[in-house]
Protein backbone atom coordinates (compact mmCIF):
# COMPACT_ATOMS: atom_id res chain seq x y z
CA MET A 1 0.08 -0.25 -0.26
CA GLY A 2 1.39 3.58 -0.66
CA VAL A 3 1.15 6.04 1.67
CA LEU A 4 -0.30 9.88 1.66
CA PRO A 5 2.33 12.48 1.47
CA TYR A 6 4.08 13.77 5.19
CA ASP A 7 2.17 16.83 5.97
CA ALA A 8 4.47 19.41 8.29
CA THR A 9 2.52 22.20 7.97
CA ARG A 10 0.77 24.12 11.00
CA THR A 11 -2.35 23.98 9.83
CA ALA A 12 -2.23 19.99 9.60
CA VAL A 13 -1.23 20.16 13.59
CA TYR A 14 -3.50 23.01 14.90
CA ALA A 15 -6.84 22.99 12.62
CA PRO A 16 -6.73 19.37 11.30
CA GLU A 17 -10.37 20.15 10.93
CA THR A 18 -10.35 22.00 7.83
CA ARG A 19 -8.52 18.43 5.43
CA ASP A 20 -11.66 16.99 4.13
CA THR A 21 -12.11 13.42 4.53
CA LEU A 22 -10.19 10.09 3.20
CA PHE A 23 -13.14 8.22 3.01
CA GLU A 24 -14.11 7.23 -0.60
CA ASN A 25 -17.67 5.99 -1.90
CA GLY A 26 -17.81 1.99 -1.94
CA VAL A 27 -14.70 1.24 -0.56
CA PRO A 28 -14.39 -1.08 2.10
CA TYR A 29 -12.74 -0.13 5.17
CA SER A 30 -11.09 -2.37 7.92
CA PRO A 31 -11.88 -1.64 11.61
CA LEU A 32 -8.76 -0.05 11.64
CA GLN A 33 -9.21 2.42 9.06
CA LEU A 34 -12.85 3.12 10.26
CA ALA A 35 -11.14 4.38 13.47
CA ILE A 36 -8.33 6.35 12.33
CA GLU A 37 -10.68 8.38 9.55
CA ALA A 38 -13.46 8.72 12.17
CA ALA A 39 -10.70 10.47 15.00
CA ARG A 40 -9.91 12.87 12.76
CA LEU A 41 -13.65 13.60 11.71
CA ALA A 42 -14.20 13.98 15.40
CA TYR A 43 -12.41 17.62 15.00
CA TYR A 44 -14.88 19.13 12.34
CA ARG A 45 -16.81 21.41 14.56
CA ALA A 46 -20.03 20.41 13.72
CA GLU A 47 -21.60 21.51 17.14
CA GLU A 48 -21.07 25.25 15.84
CA SER A 49 -22.94 24.71 12.52
CA THR A 50 -25.40 22.84 10.41
CA ALA A 51 -23.07 23.41 7.67
CA GLN A 52 -20.37 21.35 9.49
CA MET A 53 -22.51 19.03 10.99
CA GLN A 54 -23.59 18.07 6.90
CA ARG A 55 -19.93 18.12 6.21
CA LEU A 56 -19.23 15.34 9.18
CA SER A 57 -22.41 13.60 7.85
CA THR A 58 -21.63 13.74 4.35
CA ALA A 59 -17.57 12.23 5.28
CA LEU A 60 -19.33 9.00 7.37
CA ALA A 61 -21.88 8.22 4.43
CA ARG A 62 -19.23 7.41 2.56
CA ALA A 63 -18.62 4.70 4.47
CA GLY A 64 -22.20 3.76 4.88
CA PHE A 65 -22.36 5.04 8.40
CA PRO A 66 -25.93 7.55 9.02
CA ALA A 67 -25.62 10.90 10.47
CA PRO A 68 -24.14 11.05 13.95
CA VAL A 69 -25.26 11.61 17.29
CA LEU A 70 -23.43 14.60 18.86
CA PHE A 71 -22.24 14.11 22.50
CA VAL A 72 -21.14 18.01 24.01
CA ASP A 73 -20.47 19.76 27.16
CA GLU A 74 -19.44 23.42 26.71
CA ALA A 75 -18.14 23.60 30.24
CA THR A 76 -15.61 20.77 29.54
CA GLY A 77 -15.12 21.26 25.62
CA ALA A 78 -15.58 17.47 25.86
CA VAL A 79 -17.02 16.68 22.47
CA GLY A 80 -17.43 13.17 20.49
CA PHE A 81 -19.73 11.43 18.29
CA GLY A 82 -21.58 8.10 17.60
CA THR A 83 -22.83 6.46 14.50
CA VAL A 84 -24.44 2.67 13.86
CA ARG A 85 -23.78 1.14 10.73
CA ALA A 86 -27.43 -0.38 9.44
CA VAL A 87 -26.01 -2.99 7.00
CA ASP A 88 -23.67 -4.60 9.65
CA GLY A 89 -24.37 -3.20 13.33
CA THR A 90 -20.96 -1.55 12.90
CA ALA A 91 -20.44 1.54 16.14
CA LEU A 92 -18.10 4.29 15.59
CA LEU A 93 -17.62 6.30 18.87
CA ALA A 94 -15.09 8.96 18.02
CA LEU A 95 -13.80 11.65 20.52
CA ARG A 96 -12.10 15.00 19.60
CA GLY A 97 -8.47 15.87 20.53
CA THR A 98 -7.25 18.93 22.12
CA GLN A 99 -8.08 21.91 19.79
CA PRO A 100 -5.43 25.06 20.42
CA ASP A 101 -8.37 27.67 20.65
CA ASN A 102 -10.03 25.89 23.39
CA ILE A 103 -9.15 27.01 26.74
CA SER A 104 -11.39 24.40 27.83
CA ASP A 105 -9.39 21.28 26.32
CA ILE A 106 -5.74 23.12 27.35
CA ALA A 107 -6.98 23.04 30.84
CA HIS A 108 -7.58 19.69 30.99
CA ASP A 109 -4.34 18.66 29.51
CA LEU A 110 -2.51 20.52 32.34
CA LYS A 111 -4.68 18.89 35.21
CA ALA A 112 -1.92 16.33 35.72
CA TYR A 113 -2.08 15.06 38.47
CA MET A 114 -3.88 11.98 39.24
CA VAL A 115 -7.30 11.11 41.15
CA PRO A 116 -9.08 7.61 41.85
CA TRP A 117 -10.77 6.42 38.68
CA PRO A 118 -13.68 4.07 40.73
CA GLU A 119 -15.22 3.62 36.77
CA SER A 120 -13.07 0.56 37.00
CA ALA A 121 -9.57 0.93 39.37
CA GLY A 122 -6.79 2.86 39.76
CA ARG A 123 -5.50 6.29 39.56
CA VAL A 124 -6.04 8.47 36.17
CA HIS A 125 -5.00 12.02 34.87
CA ALA A 126 -7.36 14.33 36.64
CA GLY A 127 -8.13 16.74 33.19
CA PHE A 128 -8.72 13.55 31.25
CA ALA A 129 -11.10 11.99 33.57
CA GLY A 130 -13.03 15.25 34.08
CA ALA A 131 -13.52 15.47 30.02
CA ILE A 132 -14.85 12.06 29.73
CA ARG A 133 -17.09 11.87 32.68
CA SER A 134 -18.86 14.88 31.65
CA ILE A 135 -20.26 13.39 28.35
CA LEU A 136 -20.40 9.85 29.64
CA PRO A 137 -23.99 9.99 30.11
CA GLN A 138 -24.66 11.37 27.01
CA ILE A 139 -23.28 8.35 25.39
CA ARG A 140 -24.93 6.19 28.29
CA GLN A 141 -28.02 7.43 27.00
CA TRP A 142 -27.28 7.09 23.39
CA LEU A 143 -26.25 3.21 23.73
CA ALA A 144 -29.73 2.71 25.79
CA ARG A 145 -31.82 4.24 22.68
CA THR A 146 -29.99 2.72 20.24
CA GLY A 147 -29.97 -0.92 21.80
CA LEU A 148 -26.22 -1.08 21.24
CA GLN A 149 -23.79 -3.34 22.55
CA ALA A 150 -20.80 -2.01 23.48
CA SER A 151 -19.04 -5.56 22.18
CA ARG A 152 -19.90 -4.33 18.93
CA MET A 153 -18.39 -1.10 18.61
CA ILE A 154 -14.79 0.87 17.65
CA ILE A 155 -13.95 3.64 20.00
CA THR A 156 -11.34 6.09 19.25
CA GLY A 157 -9.48 9.39 19.30
CA HIS A 158 -6.63 11.18 18.81
CA SER A 159 -4.49 13.08 21.53
CA LEU A 160 -6.93 14.38 24.28
CA GLY A 161 -9.60 12.21 22.27
CA ALA A 162 -7.19 9.14 22.50
CA ALA A 163 -6.96 9.83 26.27
CA MET A 164 -10.62 9.98 26.75
CA ALA A 165 -11.60 6.98 24.17
CA THR A 166 -8.82 4.87 26.86
CA LEU A 167 -10.59 5.62 29.83
CA LEU A 168 -14.30 4.93 28.43
CA ALA A 169 -12.88 1.76 27.02
CA SER A 170 -12.38 0.90 30.58
CA VAL A 171 -16.20 1.29 31.34
CA LEU A 172 -17.35 -0.25 28.44
CA THR A 173 -15.31 -2.98 27.31
CA PRO A 174 -15.83 -2.28 23.15
CA GLU A 175 -14.36 -4.34 20.26
CA TRP A 176 -12.06 -2.02 19.09
CA LEU A 177 -9.92 0.35 20.97
CA VAL A 178 -7.94 2.54 18.40
CA THR A 179 -5.52 5.46 20.01
CA MET A 180 -3.47 7.89 17.65
CA GLY A 181 -0.91 10.05 19.52
CA SER A 182 -2.19 9.40 23.03
CA PRO A 183 -0.60 10.42 26.09
CA ARG A 184 -0.24 8.09 29.53
CA VAL A 185 -3.61 7.93 30.76
CA GLY A 186 -3.17 5.99 34.27
CA ASP A 187 -1.35 3.66 36.46
CA GLU A 188 -1.03 -0.08 36.02
CA ASP A 189 -3.86 -0.59 38.10
CA PHE A 190 -6.35 1.21 35.50
CA VAL A 191 -4.25 -0.20 32.88
CA ARG A 192 -5.24 -3.79 33.66
CA THR A 193 -8.79 -2.79 33.60
CA VAL A 194 -8.74 -1.80 30.00
CA LYS A 195 -9.56 -4.87 28.32
CA PRO A 196 -11.16 -4.61 24.26
CA ALA A 197 -11.49 -7.80 22.13
CA ASN A 198 -9.12 -5.33 19.85
CA SER A 199 -6.36 -2.67 21.23
CA VAL A 200 -4.22 -0.61 18.72
CA ARG A 201 -1.97 2.22 20.41
CA LEU A 202 -0.57 3.73 17.18
CA VAL A 203 2.41 6.11 18.02
CA ASP A 204 3.98 7.65 15.10
CA CYS A 205 7.54 8.42 15.23
CA CYS A 206 8.48 11.33 17.25
CA ASP A 207 5.12 12.43 18.48
CA VAL A 208 5.94 13.87 21.64
CA VAL A 209 2.54 13.87 23.02
CA THR A 210 3.04 10.26 23.56
CA GLU A 211 6.23 10.80 25.94
CA VAL A 212 3.74 12.98 28.21
CA PRO A 213 2.84 12.96 31.14
CA PRO A 214 6.09 11.71 32.01
CA PRO A 215 6.31 7.97 33.66
CA ILE A 216 6.67 9.07 37.67
CA GLY A 217 3.85 8.82 40.14
CA GLY A 218 2.80 5.75 38.47
CA TYR A 219 1.82 6.73 34.56
CA THR A 220 2.35 3.94 32.48
CA HIS A 221 0.88 3.32 28.98
CA LEU A 222 -1.35 0.14 27.48
CA PRO A 223 1.28 -2.37 26.78
CA THR A 224 0.94 -2.86 23.54
CA CYS A 225 2.03 -0.27 20.95
CA THR A 226 2.03 -0.20 17.02
CA TYR A 227 5.00 2.15 16.01
CA LEU A 228 4.59 4.47 12.56
CA THR A 229 8.42 4.72 11.24
CA SER A 230 9.39 7.92 9.54
CA GLU A 231 8.90 6.46 6.40
CA ALA A 232 5.11 5.26 7.54
CA VAL A 233 5.62 1.57 7.71
CA VAL A 234 3.90 0.21 10.37
CA VAL A 235 5.84 -2.15 13.13
CA ALA A 236 3.95 -3.66 16.01
CA ASN A 237 5.73 -4.02 18.99
CA PRO A 238 9.01 -2.68 18.12
CA PRO A 239 12.20 -2.89 20.23
CA GLN A 240 13.39 0.27 21.68
CA SER A 241 16.10 0.33 19.63
CA LEU A 242 14.56 0.50 16.72
CA ILE A 243 12.55 3.65 17.67
CA GLU A 244 15.72 5.20 18.99
CA ALA A 245 17.48 5.05 15.70
CA ASP A 246 14.42 5.67 13.75
CA ARG A 247 14.03 9.04 15.62
CA SER A 248 17.16 10.11 15.71
CA THR A 249 17.25 9.87 11.54
CA ALA A 250 13.94 11.63 11.37
CA ARG A 251 14.82 14.52 13.24
CA GLN A 252 17.87 15.30 11.92
CA ARG A 253 16.12 15.03 8.04
CA TYR A 254 13.26 17.01 9.41
CA LEU A 255 15.75 20.07 10.12
CA THR A 256 17.52 20.06 6.76
CA GLU A 257 14.40 19.33 4.81
CA LEU A 258 11.00 20.73 6.30
CA SER A 259 11.96 22.70 9.58
CA TRP A 260 13.07 26.29 7.86
CA LYS A 261 10.02 26.11 5.26
CA ILE A 262 7.35 28.72 5.65
CA GLY A 263 4.14 27.51 7.55
CA ASN A 264 5.76 24.51 8.71
CA VAL A 265 6.07 23.51 12.45
CA LEU A 266 9.92 23.69 13.69
CA LEU A 267 10.00 20.36 14.77
CA ARG A 268 9.30 17.16 14.09
CA ASP A 269 8.48 15.88 17.26
CA LEU A 270 5.13 18.31 17.11
CA ALA A 271 4.53 17.45 13.28
CA ASP A 272 4.10 13.86 13.84
CA HIS A 273 1.06 14.47 16.45
CA ALA A 274 -0.83 15.92 13.30
CA PRO A 275 -3.63 13.30 12.64
CA ILE A 276 -3.12 13.07 8.80
CA ASN A 277 -0.06 11.97 9.54
CA TYR A 278 -1.32 9.11 11.30
CA ALA A 279 -3.59 7.93 8.40
CA ARG A 280 -1.00 8.35 5.70
CA ALA A 281 -0.07 4.65 6.89
CA PHE A 282 -3.44 2.95 6.33
CA PHE A 283 -4.86 5.42 3.48
CA VAL A 284 -3.31 5.73 -0.49
């Protein structure tokens, strides 16, 4: 499979909602592809206008899904959507990541102290917990109305959305949990409660967000990692030596080839966090 071009622009990182969908009509997408693109589509600001809601609905329709139900809490800034495909019962639940112009999102990211997570077990990031708790009742109501079983669901998100998705997966136990650019969410006791049938934690090369909060005070990642190399090669659970070598080469090349160009972000560590640079390894 070919890959999409690497996007080093500030727009790719700070305004991912400006890029149109990768879904095409009539293409049979895998659960992983559905999850990755749904995580990108969660950035569409469908709660703000009819036009953006139509844009999101049109994108999902290309993969056979109806118009979504939105989950929104204005106080916390948490946003997500859910939709169920009638032909096979596949359900997508996607949660939005950090938006730089939303002060609530930034505030959640900064609340890095740990609090108990009685919804399953262990201790978790206070900001992430507050965000998902604010829309969890809406999600439960949607599940009750649709009669949907969590075991048929794909839960996904990018960045803050990935952290929220991980917390949600500890409560609902979905068929798939797919996260892109996820920070650490909680401690080992919490991590042991996250047991989807299929779990994919994607880490794109140098993505700095996957390295925070630092592994102190109990913070740890989910045990498995699917690493995307600097050339968008997918590697499951690579040795740390491979990751370090690949990152070193990627940073050097970025500095000489891309960092100095107008409109680009300065460092590869930030450019790799862009949702499109995750999707590029899975879409032609």
